[in-house]
Amino acid sequence: MTYLLRTPTADDAPAASTLVQSVFAEFVAPDWELQAREVFTAESSAARFSQLLVEPAFAAVAESSGE
């Protein structure tokens, strides 16, 4: 298996958002108030990430076999 770390682009935003939101929903959200969950979801949307990923302080994408 080949691993690759690279600088993300705006094209990575949907996958990054899906990963962040699914982990949040499973492990964190149950302990948060509804309004806080809604804010987190908005701030971690694909649209928001597409803005944030183009000029990160540090960000990397890890790929395994092209995924």
C-alpha atoms as a PDB file:
ATOM      1  CA  MET A   1       0.000   0.000   0.000  1.00  0.00           C
ATOM      2  CA  THR A   2       1.317   3.432  -0.914  1.00  0.00           C
ATOM      3  CA  TYR A   3       0.765   6.501   1.260  1.00  0.00           C
ATOM      4  CA  LEU A   4       1.015  10.095   0.140  1.00  0.00           C
ATOM      5  CA  LEU A   5       0.909  13.320   2.150  1.00  0.00           C
ATOM      6  CA  ARG A   6       0.192  16.409   0.095  1.00  0.00           C
ATOM      7  CA  THR A   7      -1.064  19.939   0.370  1.00  0.00           C
ATOM      8  CA  PRO A   8      -4.848  20.021   0.041  1.00  0.00           C
ATOM      9  CA  THR A   9      -6.745  21.958  -2.584  1.00  0.00           C
ATOM     10  CA  ALA A  10     -10.304  23.233  -2.729  1.00  0.00           C
ATOM     11  CA  ASP A  11     -11.166  19.989  -4.553  1.00  0.00           C
ATOM     12  CA  ASP A  12     -10.482  18.124  -1.278  1.00  0.00           C
ATOM     13  CA  ALA A  13     -13.109  20.129   0.613  1.00  0.00           C
ATOM     14  CA  PRO A  14     -16.063  17.732   0.127  1.00  0.00           C
ATOM     15  CA  ALA A  15     -14.114  14.691   1.351  1.00  0.00           C
ATOM     16  CA  ALA A  16     -12.576  16.625   4.255  1.00  0.00           C
ATOM     17  CA  SER A  17     -15.970  17.963   5.282  1.00  0.00           C
ATOM     18  CA  THR A  18     -17.557  14.526   5.112  1.00  0.00           C
ATOM     19  CA  LEU A  19     -14.799  13.026   7.268  1.00  0.00           C
ATOM     20  CA  VAL A  20     -14.885  15.817   9.865  1.00  0.00           C
ATOM     21  CA  GLN A  21     -18.670  15.864  10.093  1.00  0.00           C
ATOM     22  CA  SER A  22     -19.048  12.082  10.325  1.00  0.00           C
ATOM     23  CA  VAL A  23     -16.491  11.806  13.135  1.00  0.00           C
ATOM     24  CA  PHE A  24     -18.093  14.770  14.899  1.00  0.00           C
ATOM     25  CA  ALA A  25     -21.585  13.277  14.555  1.00  0.00           C
ATOM     26  CA  GLU A  26     -20.529   9.928  15.975  1.00  0.00           C
ATOM     27  CA  PHE A  27     -18.196  10.911  18.778  1.00  0.00           C
ATOM     28  CA  VAL A  28     -18.808  14.547  19.772  1.00  0.00           C
ATOM     29  CA  ALA A  29     -22.238  15.803  18.726  1.00  0.00           C
ATOM     30  CA  PRO A  30     -24.274  13.708  21.169  1.00  0.00           C
ATOM     31  CA  ASP A  31     -22.853  15.786  24.027  1.00  0.00           C
ATOM     32  CA  TRP A  32     -23.446  19.162  22.347  1.00  0.00           C
ATOM     33  CA  GLU A  33     -26.524  21.382  22.312  1.00  0.00           C
ATOM     34  CA  LEU A  34     -28.470  21.531  19.030  1.00  0.00           C
ATOM     35  CA  GLN A  35     -27.453  25.122  18.268  1.00  0.00           C
ATOM     36  CA  ALA A  36     -23.764  24.322  18.810  1.00  0.00           C
ATOM     37  CA  ARG A  37     -24.032  21.297  16.497  1.00  0.00           C
ATOM     38  CA  GLU A  38     -25.623  23.477  13.823  1.00  0.00           C
ATOM     39  CA  VAL A  39     -22.807  26.034  14.074  1.00  0.00           C
ATOM     40  CA  PHE A  40     -20.162  23.306  13.867  1.00  0.00           C
ATOM     41  CA  THR A  41     -21.862  21.785  10.836  1.00  0.00           C
ATOM     42  CA  ALA A  42     -21.967  25.148   9.062  1.00  0.00           C
ATOM     43  CA  GLU A  43     -18.340  25.921   9.904  1.00  0.00           C
ATOM     44  CA  SER A  44     -17.176  22.521   8.640  1.00  0.00           C
ATOM     45  CA  SER A  45     -19.207  22.475   5.424  1.00  0.00           C
ATOM     46  CA  ALA A  46     -17.573  21.720   2.090  1.00  0.00           C
ATOM     47  CA  ALA A  47     -18.155  25.325   1.026  1.00  0.00           C
ATOM     48  CA  ARG A  48     -16.387  26.654   4.124  1.00  0.00           C
ATOM     49  CA  PHE A  49     -13.529  24.143   3.828  1.00  0.00           C
ATOM     50  CA  SER A  50     -13.000  25.083   0.182  1.00  0.00           C
ATOM     51  CA  GLN A  51     -12.201  28.596   1.435  1.00  0.00           C
ATOM     52  CA  LEU A  52     -10.063  27.471   4.363  1.00  0.00           C
ATOM     53  CA  LEU A  53      -7.982  24.836   2.582  1.00  0.00           C
ATOM     54  CA  VAL A  54      -6.499  27.150  -0.025  1.00  0.00           C
ATOM     55  CA  GLU A  55      -4.582  29.209   2.545  1.00  0.00           C
ATOM     56  CA  PRO A  56      -3.986  26.999   5.581  1.00  0.00           C
ATOM     57  CA  ALA A  57      -1.466  27.640   8.318  1.00  0.00           C
ATOM     58  CA  PHE A  58      -0.775  23.918   7.962  1.00  0.00           C
ATOM     59  CA  ALA A  59      -2.879  21.270   6.350  1.00  0.00           C
ATOM     60  CA  ALA A  60      -2.143  17.943   4.716  1.00  0.00           C
ATOM     61  CA  VAL A  61      -4.148  15.264   3.011  1.00  0.00           C
ATOM     62  CA  ALA A  62      -3.218  11.620   3.538  1.00  0.00           C
ATOM     63  CA  GLU A  63      -4.087   9.267   0.716  1.00  0.00           C
ATOM     64  CA  SER A  64      -3.890   5.520   0.613  1.00  0.00           C
ATOM     65  CA  SER A  65      -3.831   3.943  -2.819  1.00  0.00           C
ATOM     66  CA  GLY A  66      -5.389   7.028  -4.400  1.00  0.00           C
ATOM     67  CA  GLU A  67      -8.315   7.382  -1.962  1.00  0.00           C
END
